[in-house]
Amino acid sequence: MYIILAFLLAYPALMAELIIGRHTRSNMVTALQSIASSSRAKTAGKLTGLGGILAATFILCFYSIIAGWMIAFMLEPVAHFFVGVRAGNLHPSRPCLTYLTGCRGLHEIANANRCGHSATH
């Protein structure tokens, strides 16, 4: 039922947006301003266009966070396979090299036992 209602609400809005954009050949803010007849409607069109841009920006910000989670959990098995580190064990106050190797420098990566740290934290 949700998919049917989402389609019935979103599809007409998408088609209206595409038709207005093709008719005016401009961006969302200018397009909604140009199809309005009165000055009050032009202001409402401009605010509606800006609101749409703001909403799209917030949605993309949210999805970038989700994409970061997906990348972290996608790479976790690889990191665990090579150096025994799980994503849940990483802490932002420690350098990444220490997370992955348990060592302090690149010269210690070859022999992780010499640096005095375990590979997992």
PDB file of N, CA and C in Angstrom:
ATOM      1  N   MET A   1       0.818  -1.193   0.000  1.00  0.00           N
ATOM      2  CA  MET A   1       0.000   0.000   0.000  1.00  0.00           C
ATOM      3  C   MET A   1       0.867   1.265   0.000  1.00  0.00           C
ATOM      4  N   TYR A   2       1.990   1.208   0.770  1.00  0.00           N
ATOM      5  CA  TYR A   2       2.877   2.365   0.845  1.00  0.00           C
ATOM      6  C   TYR A   2       3.459   2.701  -0.522  1.00  0.00           C
ATOM      7  N   ILE A   3       3.897   1.694  -1.250  1.00  0.00           N
ATOM      8  CA  ILE A   3       4.511   1.931  -2.570  1.00  0.00           C
ATOM      9  C   ILE A   3       3.480   2.513  -3.534  1.00  0.00           C
ATOM     10  N   ILE A   4       2.260   2.035  -3.461  1.00  0.00           N
ATOM     11  CA  ILE A   4       1.217   2.562  -4.341  1.00  0.00           C
ATOM     12  C   ILE A   4       0.945   4.032  -4.031  1.00  0.00           C
ATOM     13  N   LEU A   5       0.807   4.367  -2.755  1.00  0.00           N
ATOM     14  CA  LEU A   5       0.564   5.757  -2.386  1.00  0.00           C
ATOM     15  C   LEU A   5       1.762   6.653  -2.705  1.00  0.00           C
ATOM     16  N   ALA A   6       2.965   6.160  -2.461  1.00  0.00           N
ATOM     17  CA  ALA A   6       4.156   6.946  -2.789  1.00  0.00           C
ATOM     18  C   ALA A   6       4.218   7.212  -4.290  1.00  0.00           C
ATOM     19  N   PHE A   7       3.911   6.214  -5.091  1.00  0.00           N
ATOM     20  CA  PHE A   7       3.916   6.391  -6.539  1.00  0.00           C
ATOM     21  C   PHE A   7       2.829   7.368  -6.972  1.00  0.00           C
ATOM     22  N   LEU A   8       1.632   7.247  -6.388  1.00  0.00           N
ATOM     23  CA  LEU A   8       0.527   8.125  -6.771  1.00  0.00           C
ATOM     24  C   LEU A   8       0.781   9.576  -6.375  1.00  0.00           C
ATOM     25  N   LEU A   9       1.552   9.813  -5.320  1.00  0.00           N
ATOM     26  CA  LEU A   9       1.863  11.179  -4.914  1.00  0.00           C
ATOM     27  C   LEU A   9       3.114  11.721  -5.605  1.00  0.00           C
ATOM     28  N   ALA A  10       4.128  10.888  -5.748  1.00  0.00           N
ATOM     29  CA  ALA A  10       5.400  11.372  -6.279  1.00  0.00           C
ATOM     30  C   ALA A  10       5.417  11.500  -7.792  1.00  0.00           C
ATOM     31  N   TYR A  11       4.758  10.621  -8.502  1.00  0.00           N
ATOM     32  CA  TYR A  11       4.808  10.653  -9.959  1.00  0.00           C
ATOM     33  C   TYR A  11       4.195  11.933 -10.546  1.00  0.00           C
ATOM     34  N   PRO A  12       3.018  12.362 -10.101  1.00  0.00           N
ATOM     35  CA  PRO A  12       2.493  13.632 -10.631  1.00  0.00           C
ATOM     36  C   PRO A  12       3.383  14.834 -10.300  1.00  0.00           C
ATOM     37  N   ALA A  13       3.973  14.842  -9.113  1.00  0.00           N
ATOM     38  CA  ALA A  13       4.874  15.940  -8.758  1.00  0.00           C
ATOM     39  C   ALA A  13       6.117  15.928  -9.637  1.00  0.00           C
ATOM     40  N   LEU A  14       6.652  14.758  -9.907  1.00  0.00           N
ATOM     41  CA  LEU A  14       7.811  14.645 -10.780  1.00  0.00           C
ATOM     42  C   LEU A  14       7.480  15.103 -12.197  1.00  0.00           C
ATOM     43  N   MET A  15       6.347  14.687 -12.705  1.00  0.00           N
ATOM     44  CA  MET A  15       5.943  15.091 -14.056  1.00  0.00           C
ATOM     45  C   MET A  15       5.710  16.598 -14.127  1.00  0.00           C
ATOM     46  N   ALA A  16       5.071  17.167 -13.101  1.00  0.00           N
ATOM     47  CA  ALA A  16       4.855  18.618 -13.092  1.00  0.00           C
ATOM     48  C   ALA A  16       6.183  19.364 -13.062  1.00  0.00           C
ATOM     49  N   GLU A  17       7.110  18.874 -12.277  1.00  0.00           N
ATOM     50  CA  GLU A  17       8.425  19.519 -12.194  1.00  0.00           C
ATOM     51  C   GLU A  17       9.164  19.438 -13.522  1.00  0.00           C
ATOM     52  N   LEU A  18       9.100  18.294 -14.174  1.00  0.00           N
ATOM     53  CA  LEU A  18       9.749  18.145 -15.483  1.00  0.00           C
ATOM     54  C   LEU A  18       9.109  19.027 -16.540  1.00  0.00           C
ATOM     55  N   ILE A  19       7.789  19.094 -16.555  1.00  0.00           N
ATOM     56  CA  ILE A  19       7.087  19.913 -17.552  1.00  0.00           C
ATOM     57  C   ILE A  19       7.384  21.392 -17.345  1.00  0.00           C
ATOM     58  N   ILE A  20       7.351  21.846 -16.086  1.00  0.00           N
ATOM     59  CA  ILE A  20       7.654  23.257 -15.798  1.00  0.00           C
ATOM     60  C   ILE A  20       9.098  23.573 -16.185  1.00  0.00           C
ATOM     61  N   GLY A  21      10.018  22.669 -15.859  1.00  0.00           N
ATOM     62  CA  GLY A  21      11.416  22.883 -16.195  1.00  0.00           C
ATOM     63  C   GLY A  21      11.659  22.943 -17.700  1.00  0.00           C
ATOM     64  N   ARG A  22      11.001  22.070 -18.469  1.00  0.00           N
ATOM     65  CA  ARG A  22      11.159  22.098 -19.928  1.00  0.00           C
ATOM     66  C   ARG A  22      10.523  23.338 -20.541  1.00  0.00           C
ATOM     67  N   HIS A  23       9.398  23.753 -19.974  1.00  0.00           N
ATOM     68  CA  HIS A  23       8.705  24.920 -20.513  1.00  0.00           C
ATOM     69  C   HIS A  23       9.528  26.197 -20.300  1.00  0.00           C
ATOM     70  N   THR A  24      10.087  26.359 -19.121  1.00  0.00           N
ATOM     71  CA  THR A  24      10.813  27.594 -18.809  1.00  0.00           C
ATOM     72  C   THR A  24      12.303  27.510 -19.138  1.00  0.00           C
ATOM     73  N   ARG A  25      12.835  26.302 -19.280  1.00  0.00           N
ATOM     74  CA  ARG A  25      14.261  26.085 -19.562  1.00  0.00           C
ATOM     75  C   ARG A  25      15.151  26.807 -18.552  1.00  0.00           C
ATOM     76  N   SER A  26      14.838  26.622 -17.288  1.00  0.00           N
ATOM     77  CA  SER A  26      15.616  27.274 -16.228  1.00  0.00           C
ATOM     78  C   SER A  26      15.616  26.397 -14.982  1.00  0.00           C
ATOM     79  N   ASN A  27      16.293  26.874 -13.946  1.00  0.00           N
ATOM     80  CA  ASN A  27      16.367  26.105 -12.698  1.00  0.00           C
ATOM     81  C   ASN A  27      15.046  26.168 -11.938  1.00  0.00           C
ATOM     82  N   MET A  28      15.002  25.461 -10.814  1.00  0.00           N
ATOM     83  CA  MET A  28      13.744  25.319 -10.082  1.00  0.00           C
ATOM     84  C   MET A  28      13.226  26.652  -9.536  1.00  0.00           C
ATOM     85  N   VAL A  29      14.109  27.473  -9.002  1.00  0.00           N
ATOM     86  CA  VAL A  29      13.681  28.744  -8.413  1.00  0.00           C
ATOM     87  C   VAL A  29      13.154  29.683  -9.500  1.00  0.00           C
ATOM     88  N   THR A  30      13.905  29.848 -10.561  1.00  0.00           N
ATOM     89  CA  THR A  30      13.504  30.749 -11.648  1.00  0.00           C
ATOM     90  C   THR A  30      12.267  30.233 -12.376  1.00  0.00           C
ATOM     91  N   ALA A  31      12.166  28.925 -12.543  1.00  0.00           N
ATOM     92  CA  ALA A  31      11.016  28.342 -13.231  1.00  0.00           C
ATOM     93  C   ALA A  31       9.721  28.616 -12.476  1.00  0.00           C
ATOM     94  N   LEU A  32       9.727  28.392 -11.174  1.00  0.00           N
ATOM     95  CA  LEU A  32       8.512  28.621 -10.397  1.00  0.00           C
ATOM     96  C   LEU A  32       8.175  30.106 -10.303  1.00  0.00           C
ATOM     97  N   GLN A  33       9.206  30.954 -10.353  1.00  0.00           N
ATOM     98  CA  GLN A  33       8.953  32.399 -10.358  1.00  0.00           C
ATOM     99  C   GLN A  33       8.361  32.836 -11.685  1.00  0.00           C
ATOM    100  N   SER A  34       8.843  32.279 -12.787  1.00  0.00           N
ATOM    101  CA  SER A  34       8.415  32.755 -14.100  1.00  0.00           C
ATOM    102  C   SER A  34       7.008  32.314 -14.485  1.00  0.00           C
ATOM    103  N   ILE A  35       6.522  31.201 -13.923  1.00  0.00           N
ATOM    104  CA  ILE A  35       5.160  30.778 -14.283  1.00  0.00           C
ATOM    105  C   ILE A  35       4.096  31.474 -13.445  1.00  0.00           C
ATOM    106  N   ALA A  36       4.517  32.167 -12.388  1.00  0.00           N
ATOM    107  CA  ALA A  36       3.558  32.869 -11.528  1.00  0.00           C
ATOM    108  C   ALA A  36       3.139  34.181 -12.188  1.00  0.00           C
ATOM    109  N   SER A  37       1.905  34.626 -11.883  1.00  0.00           N
ATOM    110  CA  SER A  37       1.386  35.843 -12.506  1.00  0.00           C
ATOM    111  C   SER A  37       1.514  37.073 -11.600  1.00  0.00           C
ATOM    112  N   SER A  38       1.232  36.935 -10.314  1.00  0.00           N
ATOM    113  CA  SER A  38       1.291  38.093  -9.416  1.00  0.00           C
ATOM    114  C   SER A  38       2.609  38.118  -8.654  1.00  0.00           C
ATOM    115  N   SER A  39       2.903  39.227  -8.031  1.00  0.00           N
ATOM    116  CA  SER A  39       4.157  39.349  -7.284  1.00  0.00           C
ATOM    117  C   SER A  39       4.162  38.453  -6.049  1.00  0.00           C
ATOM    118  N   ARG A  40       2.993  38.289  -5.431  1.00  0.00           N
ATOM    119  CA  ARG A  40       2.890  37.401  -4.264  1.00  0.00           C
ATOM    120  C   ARG A  40       3.126  35.943  -4.687  1.00  0.00           C
ATOM    121  N   ALA A  41       2.589  35.554  -5.830  1.00  0.00           N
ATOM    122  CA  ALA A  41       2.807  34.193  -6.332  1.00  0.00           C
ATOM    123  C   ALA A  41       4.259  33.992  -6.745  1.00  0.00           C
ATOM    124  N   LYS A  42       4.901  35.045  -7.284  1.00  0.00           N
ATOM    125  CA  LYS A  42       6.315  34.949  -7.647  1.00  0.00           C
ATOM    126  C   LYS A  42       7.179  34.719  -6.408  1.00  0.00           C
ATOM    127  N   THR A  43       6.848  35.422  -5.313  1.00  0.00           N
ATOM    128  CA  THR A  43       7.580  35.233  -4.066  1.00  0.00           C
ATOM    129  C   THR A  43       7.367  33.824  -3.522  1.00  0.00           C
ATOM    130  N   ALA A  44       6.115  33.350  -3.581  1.00  0.00           N
ATOM    131  CA  ALA A  44       5.819  31.989  -3.125  1.00  0.00           C
ATOM    132  C   ALA A  44       6.547  30.961  -3.988  1.00  0.00           C
ATOM    133  N   GLY A  45       6.614  31.195  -5.299  1.00  0.00           N
ATOM    134  CA  GLY A  45       7.329  30.287  -6.193  1.00  0.00           C
ATOM    135  C   GLY A  45       8.814  30.252  -5.889  1.00  0.00           C
ATOM    136  N   LYS A  46       9.377  31.422  -5.622  1.00  0.00           N
ATOM    137  CA  LYS A  46      10.803  31.489  -5.281  1.00  0.00           C
ATOM    138  C   LYS A  46      11.077  30.742  -3.977  1.00  0.00           C
ATOM    139  N   LEU A  47      10.244  30.959  -2.964  1.00  0.00           N
ATOM    140  CA  LEU A  47      10.435  30.274  -1.686  1.00  0.00           C
ATOM    141  C   LEU A  47      10.232  28.766  -1.814  1.00  0.00           C
ATOM    142  N   THR A  48       9.272  28.361  -2.636  1.00  0.00           N
ATOM    143  CA  THR A  48       9.042  26.937  -2.858  1.00  0.00           C
ATOM    144  C   THR A  48      10.248  26.301  -3.546  1.00  0.00           C
ATOM    145  N   GLY A  49      10.798  26.989  -4.541  1.00  0.00           N
ATOM    146  CA  GLY A  49      11.984  26.487  -5.224  1.00  0.00           C
ATOM    147  C   GLY A  49      13.175  26.376  -4.297  1.00  0.00           C
ATOM    148  N   LEU A  50      13.380  27.406  -3.471  1.00  0.00           N
ATOM    149  CA  LEU A  50      14.481  27.365  -2.502  1.00  0.00           C
ATOM    150  C   LEU A  50      14.265  26.262  -1.467  1.00  0.00           C
ATOM    151  N   GLY A  51      13.020  26.067  -1.053  1.00  0.00           N
ATOM    152  CA  GLY A  51      12.711  24.987  -0.115  1.00  0.00           C
ATOM    153  C   GLY A  51      13.008  23.615  -0.705  1.00  0.00           C
ATOM    154  N   GLY A  52      12.702  23.444  -1.987  1.00  0.00           N
ATOM    155  CA  GLY A  52      13.021  22.177  -2.653  1.00  0.00           C
ATOM    156  C   GLY A  52      14.513  21.925  -2.726  1.00  0.00           C
ATOM    157  N   ILE A  53      15.279  22.977  -3.016  1.00  0.00           N
ATOM    158  CA  ILE A  53      16.733  22.836  -3.058  1.00  0.00           C
ATOM    159  C   ILE A  53      17.278  22.513  -1.670  1.00  0.00           C
ATOM    160  N   LEU A  54      16.758  23.173  -0.643  1.00  0.00           N
ATOM    161  CA  LEU A  54      17.190  22.916   0.727  1.00  0.00           C
ATOM    162  C   LEU A  54      16.853  21.486   1.155  1.00  0.00           C
ATOM    163  N   ALA A  55      15.655  21.022   0.818  1.00  0.00           N
ATOM    164  CA  ALA A  55      15.261  19.656   1.162  1.00  0.00           C
ATOM    165  C   ALA A  55      16.160  18.634   0.465  1.00  0.00           C
ATOM    166  N   ALA A  56      16.461  18.860  -0.808  1.00  0.00           N
ATOM    167  CA  ALA A  56      17.357  17.946  -1.530  1.00  0.00           C
ATOM    168  C   ALA A  56      18.748  17.943  -0.907  1.00  0.00           C
ATOM    169  N   THR A  57      19.213  19.098  -0.459  1.00  0.00           N
ATOM    170  CA  THR A  57      20.525  19.181   0.191  1.00  0.00           C
ATOM    171  C   THR A  57      20.548  18.373   1.484  1.00  0.00           C
ATOM    172  N   PHE A  58      19.514  18.502   2.300  1.00  0.00           N
ATOM    173  CA  PHE A  58      19.456  17.736   3.550  1.00  0.00           C
ATOM    174  C   PHE A  58      19.371  16.238   3.282  1.00  0.00           C
ATOM    175  N   ILE A  59      18.617  15.842   2.271  1.00  0.00           N
ATOM    176  CA  ILE A  59      18.504  14.419   1.936  1.00  0.00           C
ATOM    177  C   ILE A  59      19.859  13.873   1.497  1.00  0.00           C
ATOM    178  N   LEU A  60      20.576  14.640   0.670  1.00  0.00           N
ATOM    179  CA  LEU A  60      21.895  14.185   0.229  1.00  0.00           C
ATOM    180  C   LEU A  60      22.884  14.123   1.388  1.00  0.00           C
ATOM    181  N   CYS A  61      22.781  15.046   2.338  1.00  0.00           N
ATOM    182  CA  CYS A  61      23.647  14.986   3.526  1.00  0.00           C
ATOM    183  C   CYS A  61      23.388  13.706   4.310  1.00  0.00           C
ATOM    184  N   PHE A  62      22.130  13.354   4.470  1.00  0.00           N
ATOM    185  CA  PHE A  62      21.775  12.133   5.191  1.00  0.00           C
ATOM    186  C   PHE A  62      22.312  10.908   4.459  1.00  0.00           C
ATOM    187  N   TYR A  63      22.148  10.868   3.146  1.00  0.00           N
ATOM    188  CA  TYR A  63      22.608   9.709   2.388  1.00  0.00           C
ATOM    189  C   TYR A  63      24.127   9.611   2.361  1.00  0.00           C
ATOM    190  N   SER A  64      24.845  10.721   2.477  1.00  0.00           N
ATOM    191  CA  SER A  64      26.304  10.628   2.530  1.00  0.00           C
ATOM    192  C   SER A  64      26.752   9.964   3.830  1.00  0.00           C
ATOM    193  N   ILE A  65      26.027  10.193   4.916  1.00  0.00           N
ATOM    194  CA  ILE A  65      26.343   9.521   6.180  1.00  0.00           C
ATOM    195  C   ILE A  65      26.084   8.023   6.052  1.00  0.00           C
ATOM    196  N   ILE A  66      24.965   7.667   5.463  1.00  0.00           N
ATOM    197  CA  ILE A  66      24.647   6.247   5.261  1.00  0.00           C
ATOM    198  C   ILE A  66      25.685   5.599   4.353  1.00  0.00           C
ATOM    199  N   ALA A  67      26.131   6.312   3.310  1.00  0.00           N
ATOM    200  CA  ALA A  67      27.163   5.776   2.420  1.00  0.00           C
ATOM    201  C   ALA A  67      28.466   5.553   3.175  1.00  0.00           C
ATOM    202  N   GLY A  68      28.818   6.438   4.089  1.00  0.00           N
ATOM    203  CA  GLY A  68      30.013   6.241   4.910  1.00  0.00           C
ATOM    204  C   GLY A  68      29.906   5.002   5.769  1.00  0.00           C
ATOM    205  N   TRP A  69      28.744   4.759   6.357  1.00  0.00           N
ATOM    206  CA  TRP A  69      28.541   3.539   7.131  1.00  0.00           C
ATOM    207  C   TRP A  69      28.702   2.314   6.246  1.00  0.00           C
ATOM    208  N   MET A  70      28.112   2.380   5.053  1.00  0.00           N
ATOM    209  CA  MET A  70      28.186   1.233   4.142  1.00  0.00           C
ATOM    210  C   MET A  70      29.630   0.939   3.748  1.00  0.00           C
ATOM    211  N   ILE A  71      30.405   1.976   3.472  1.00  0.00           N
ATOM    212  CA  ILE A  71      31.806   1.770   3.106  1.00  0.00           C
ATOM    213  C   ILE A  71      32.579   1.183   4.282  1.00  0.00           C
ATOM    214  N   ALA A  72      32.339   1.702   5.476  1.00  0.00           N
ATOM    215  CA  ALA A  72      33.041   1.185   6.661  1.00  0.00           C
ATOM    216  C   ALA A  72      32.733  -0.284   6.892  1.00  0.00           C
ATOM    217  N   PHE A  73      31.475  -0.659   6.801  1.00  0.00           N
ATOM    218  CA  PHE A  73      31.122  -2.051   7.052  1.00  0.00           C
ATOM    219  C   PHE A  73      31.470  -2.950   5.879  1.00  0.00           C
ATOM    220  N   MET A  74      31.608  -2.380   4.681  1.00  0.00           N
ATOM    221  CA  MET A  74      32.054  -3.170   3.533  1.00  0.00           C
ATOM    222  C   MET A  74      33.549  -3.473   3.652  1.00  0.00           C
ATOM    223  N   LEU A  75      34.327  -2.520   4.164  1.00  0.00           N
ATOM    224  CA  LEU A  75      35.768  -2.710   4.284  1.00  0.00           C
ATOM    225  C   LEU A  75      36.176  -3.416   5.576  1.00  0.00           C
ATOM    226  N   GLU A  76      35.261  -3.536   6.529  1.00  0.00           N
ATOM    227  CA  GLU A  76      35.590  -4.185   7.797  1.00  0.00           C
ATOM    228  C   GLU A  76      36.089  -5.613   7.616  1.00  0.00           C
ATOM    229  N   PRO A  77      35.453  -6.464   6.816  1.00  0.00           N
ATOM    230  CA  PRO A  77      35.979  -7.821   6.654  1.00  0.00           C
ATOM    231  C   PRO A  77      37.377  -7.850   6.042  1.00  0.00           C
ATOM    232  N   VAL A  78      37.672  -6.917   5.150  1.00  0.00           N
ATOM    233  CA  VAL A  78      38.998  -6.857   4.542  1.00  0.00           C
ATOM    234  C   VAL A  78      40.043  -6.488   5.597  1.00  0.00           C
ATOM    235  N   ALA A  79      39.744  -5.454   6.394  1.00  0.00           N
ATOM    236  CA  ALA A  79      40.673  -5.044   7.446  1.00  0.00           C
ATOM    237  C   ALA A  79      40.845  -6.149   8.478  1.00  0.00           C
ATOM    238  N   HIS A  80      39.758  -6.830   8.808  1.00  0.00           N
ATOM    239  CA  HIS A  80      39.852  -7.909   9.786  1.00  0.00           C
ATOM    240  C   HIS A  80      40.665  -9.070   9.234  1.00  0.00           C
ATOM    241  N   PHE A  81      40.524  -9.342   7.956  1.00  0.00           N
ATOM    242  CA  PHE A  81      41.265 -10.445   7.338  1.00  0.00           C
ATOM    243  C   PHE A  81      42.768 -10.170   7.361  1.00  0.00           C
ATOM    244  N   PHE A  82      43.162  -8.940   7.037  1.00  0.00           N
ATOM    245  CA  PHE A  82      44.586  -8.633   6.940  1.00  0.00           C
ATOM    246  C   PHE A  82      45.237  -8.321   8.282  1.00  0.00           C
ATOM    247  N   VAL A  83      44.580  -7.571   9.142  1.00  0.00           N
ATOM    248  CA  VAL A  83      45.231  -7.158  10.385  1.00  0.00           C
ATOM    249  C   VAL A  83      44.408  -7.419  11.636  1.00  0.00           C
ATOM    250  N   GLY A  84      43.247  -8.017  11.520  1.00  0.00           N
ATOM    251  CA  GLY A  84      42.475  -8.376  12.693  1.00  0.00           C
ATOM    252  C   GLY A  84      41.774  -7.235  13.386  1.00  0.00           C
ATOM    253  N   VAL A  85      41.376  -6.205  12.665  1.00  0.00           N
ATOM    254  CA  VAL A  85      40.722  -5.045  13.263  1.00  0.00           C
ATOM    255  C   VAL A  85      39.249  -5.052  12.879  1.00  0.00           C
ATOM    256  N   ARG A  86      38.390  -4.814  13.844  1.00  0.00           N
ATOM    257  CA  ARG A  86      36.956  -4.680  13.586  1.00  0.00           C
ATOM    258  C   ARG A  86      36.588  -3.202  13.625  1.00  0.00           C
ATOM    259  N   ALA A  87      35.575  -2.783  12.830  1.00  0.00           N
ATOM    260  CA  ALA A  87      35.173  -1.368  12.781  1.00  0.00           C
ATOM    261  C   ALA A  87      34.695  -0.878  14.137  1.00  0.00           C
ATOM    262  N   GLY A  88      34.097  -1.718  14.937  1.00  0.00           N
ATOM    263  CA  GLY A  88      33.624  -1.319  16.247  1.00  0.00           C
ATOM    264  C   GLY A  88      34.746  -1.007  17.223  1.00  0.00           C
ATOM    265  N   ASN A  89      35.971  -1.472  16.926  1.00  0.00           N
ATOM    266  CA  ASN A  89      37.106  -1.237  17.810  1.00  0.00           C
ATOM    267  C   ASN A  89      37.852   0.051  17.485  1.00  0.00           C
ATOM    268  N   LEU A  90      37.489   0.727  16.424  1.00  0.00           N
ATOM    269  CA  LEU A  90      38.177   1.945  16.038  1.00  0.00           C
ATOM    270  C   LEU A  90      37.714   3.108  16.900  1.00  0.00           C
ATOM    271  N   HIS A  91      38.632   3.961  17.275  1.00  0.00           N
ATOM    272  CA  HIS A  91      38.314   5.111  18.108  1.00  0.00           C
ATOM    273  C   HIS A  91      38.884   6.354  17.449  1.00  0.00           C
ATOM    274  N   PRO A  92      38.121   7.453  17.333  1.00  0.00           N
ATOM    275  CA  PRO A  92      38.584   8.616  16.584  1.00  0.00           C
ATOM    276  C   PRO A  92      39.802   9.321  17.157  1.00  0.00           C
ATOM    277  N   SER A  93      40.160   9.090  18.408  1.00  0.00           N
ATOM    278  CA  SER A  93      41.293   9.812  18.977  1.00  0.00           C
ATOM    279  C   SER A  93      42.631   9.156  18.662  1.00  0.00           C
ATOM    280  N   ARG A  94      42.632   7.977  18.052  1.00  0.00           N
ATOM    281  CA  ARG A  94      43.874   7.287  17.727  1.00  0.00           C
ATOM    282  C   ARG A  94      44.134   7.357  16.230  1.00  0.00           C
ATOM    283  N   PRO A  95      45.390   7.414  15.816  1.00  0.00           N
ATOM    284  CA  PRO A  95      45.698   7.454  14.381  1.00  0.00           C
ATOM    285  C   PRO A  95      45.284   6.168  13.685  1.00  0.00           C
ATOM    286  N   CYS A  96      44.931   6.277  12.407  1.00  0.00           N
ATOM    287  CA  CYS A  96      44.470   5.123  11.638  1.00  0.00           C
ATOM    288  C   CYS A  96      45.532   4.044  11.545  1.00  0.00           C
ATOM    289  N   LEU A  97      46.790   4.425  11.436  1.00  0.00           N
ATOM    290  CA  LEU A  97      47.849   3.440  11.328  1.00  0.00           C
ATOM    291  C   LEU A  97      47.901   2.568  12.570  1.00  0.00           C
ATOM    292  N   THR A  98      47.661   3.163  13.743  1.00  0.00           N
ATOM    293  CA  THR A  98      47.640   2.389  14.977  1.00  0.00           C
ATOM    294  C   THR A  98      46.445   1.444  14.994  1.00  0.00           C
ATOM    295  N   TYR A  99      45.293   1.877  14.431  1.00  0.00           N
ATOM    296  CA  TYR A  99      44.126   0.997  14.353  1.00  0.00           C
ATOM    297  C   TYR A  99      44.447  -0.255  13.559  1.00  0.00           C
ATOM    298  N   LEU A 100      45.019  -0.043  12.391  1.00  0.00           N
ATOM    299  CA  LEU A 100      45.185  -1.153  11.461  1.00  0.00           C
ATOM    300  C   LEU A 100      46.335  -2.069  11.833  1.00  0.00           C
ATOM    301  N   THR A 101      47.379  -1.557  12.413  1.00  0.00           N
ATOM    302  CA  THR A 101      48.562  -2.369  12.645  1.00  0.00           C
ATOM    303  C   THR A 101      48.887  -2.565  14.107  1.00  0.00           C
ATOM    304  N   GLY A 102      48.429  -1.669  14.962  1.00  0.00           N
ATOM    305  CA  GLY A 102      48.835  -1.725  16.352  1.00  0.00           C
ATOM    306  C   GLY A 102      50.228  -1.152  16.549  1.00  0.00           C
ATOM    307  N   CYS A 103      50.817  -0.599  15.498  1.00  0.00           N
ATOM    308  CA  CYS A 103      52.170  -0.055  15.531  1.00  0.00           C
ATOM    309  C   CYS A 103      52.128   1.458  15.393  1.00  0.00           C
ATOM    310  N   ARG A 104      53.248   2.110  15.669  1.00  0.00           N
ATOM    311  CA  ARG A 104      53.301   3.558  15.615  1.00  0.00           C
ATOM    312  C   ARG A 104      53.785   4.107  14.280  1.00  0.00           C
ATOM    313  N   GLY A 105      54.460   3.348  13.467  1.00  0.00           N
ATOM    314  CA  GLY A 105      55.017   3.888  12.238  1.00  0.00           C
ATOM    315  C   GLY A 105      55.042   2.869  11.127  1.00  0.00           C
ATOM    316  N   LEU A 106      55.297   3.352   9.915  1.00  0.00           N
ATOM    317  CA  LEU A 106      55.332   2.466   8.759  1.00  0.00           C
ATOM    318  C   LEU A 106      56.436   1.419   8.868  1.00  0.00           C
ATOM    319  N   HIS A 107      57.566   1.775   9.491  1.00  0.00           N
ATOM    320  CA  HIS A 107      58.672   0.829   9.601  1.00  0.00           C
ATOM    321  C   HIS A 107      58.321  -0.349  10.511  1.00  0.00           C
ATOM    322  N   GLU A 108      57.305  -0.208  11.341  1.00  0.00           N
ATOM    323  CA  GLU A 108      56.934  -1.283  12.257  1.00  0.00           C
ATOM    324  C   GLU A 108      55.849  -2.203  11.696  1.00  0.00           C
ATOM    325  N   ILE A 109      55.294  -1.853  10.536  1.00  0.00           N
ATOM    326  CA  ILE A 109      54.215  -2.663   9.983  1.00  0.00           C
ATOM    327  C   ILE A 109      54.707  -4.059   9.615  1.00  0.00           C
ATOM    328  N   ALA A 110      55.911  -4.154   9.068  1.00  0.00           N
ATOM    329  CA  ALA A 110      56.425  -5.447   8.629  1.00  0.00           C
ATOM    330  C   ALA A 110      56.500  -6.445   9.772  1.00  0.00           C
ATOM    331  N   ASN A 111      56.818  -5.991  10.961  1.00  0.00           N
ATOM    332  CA  ASN A 111      56.920  -6.886  12.107  1.00  0.00           C
ATOM    333  C   ASN A 111      56.087  -6.310  13.251  1.00  0.00           C
ATOM    334  N   ALA A 112      54.800  -6.617  13.269  1.00  0.00           N
ATOM    335  CA  ALA A 112      53.877  -6.031  14.243  1.00  0.00           C
ATOM    336  C   ALA A 112      54.206  -6.448  15.673  1.00  0.00           C
ATOM    337  N   ASN A 113      54.861  -7.565  15.866  1.00  0.00           N
ATOM    338  CA  ASN A 113      55.188  -8.007  17.216  1.00  0.00           C
ATOM    339  C   ASN A 113      56.273  -7.141  17.856  1.00  0.00           C
ATOM    340  N   ARG A 114      57.125  -6.510  17.053  1.00  0.00           N
ATOM    341  CA  ARG A 114      58.220  -5.706  17.588  1.00  0.00           C
ATOM    342  C   ARG A 114      57.731  -4.406  18.203  1.00  0.00           C
ATOM    343  N   CYS A 115      56.556  -3.907  17.799  1.00  0.00           N
ATOM    344  CA  CYS A 115      56.127  -2.605  18.294  1.00  0.00           C
ATOM    345  C   CYS A 115      55.466  -2.683  19.667  1.00  0.00           C
ATOM    346  N   GLY A 116      55.245  -3.881  20.162  1.00  0.00           N
ATOM    347  CA  GLY A 116      54.742  -4.025  21.517  1.00  0.00           C
ATOM    348  C   GLY A 116      53.241  -3.877  21.656  1.00  0.00           C
ATOM    349  N   HIS A 117      52.502  -3.822  20.552  1.00  0.00           N
ATOM    350  CA  HIS A 117      51.043  -3.700  20.597  1.00  0.00           C
ATOM    351  C   HIS A 117      50.438  -4.924  19.924  1.00  0.00           C
ATOM    352  N   SER A 118      49.239  -5.258  20.352  1.00  0.00           N
ATOM    353  CA  SER A 118      48.528  -6.318  19.647  1.00  0.00           C
ATOM    354  C   SER A 118      47.853  -5.736  18.420  1.00  0.00           C
ATOM    355  N   ALA A 119      47.530  -6.589  17.462  1.00  0.00           N
ATOM    356  CA  ALA A 119      46.912  -6.115  16.210  1.00  0.00           C
ATOM    357  C   ALA A 119      45.462  -5.709  16.430  1.00  0.00           C
ATOM    358  N   THR A 120      44.808  -6.245  17.446  1.00  0.00           N
ATOM    359  CA  THR A 120      43.419  -5.877  17.724  1.00  0.00           C
ATOM    360  C   THR A 120      43.378  -5.014  18.969  1.00  0.00           C
ATOM    361  N   HIS A 121      42.395  -4.115  19.032  1.00  0.00           N
ATOM    362  CA  HIS A 121      42.259  -3.218  20.185  1.00  0.00           C
ATOM    363  C   HIS A 121      40.921  -3.439  20.832  1.00  0.00           C
TER     364      HIS A 121
END
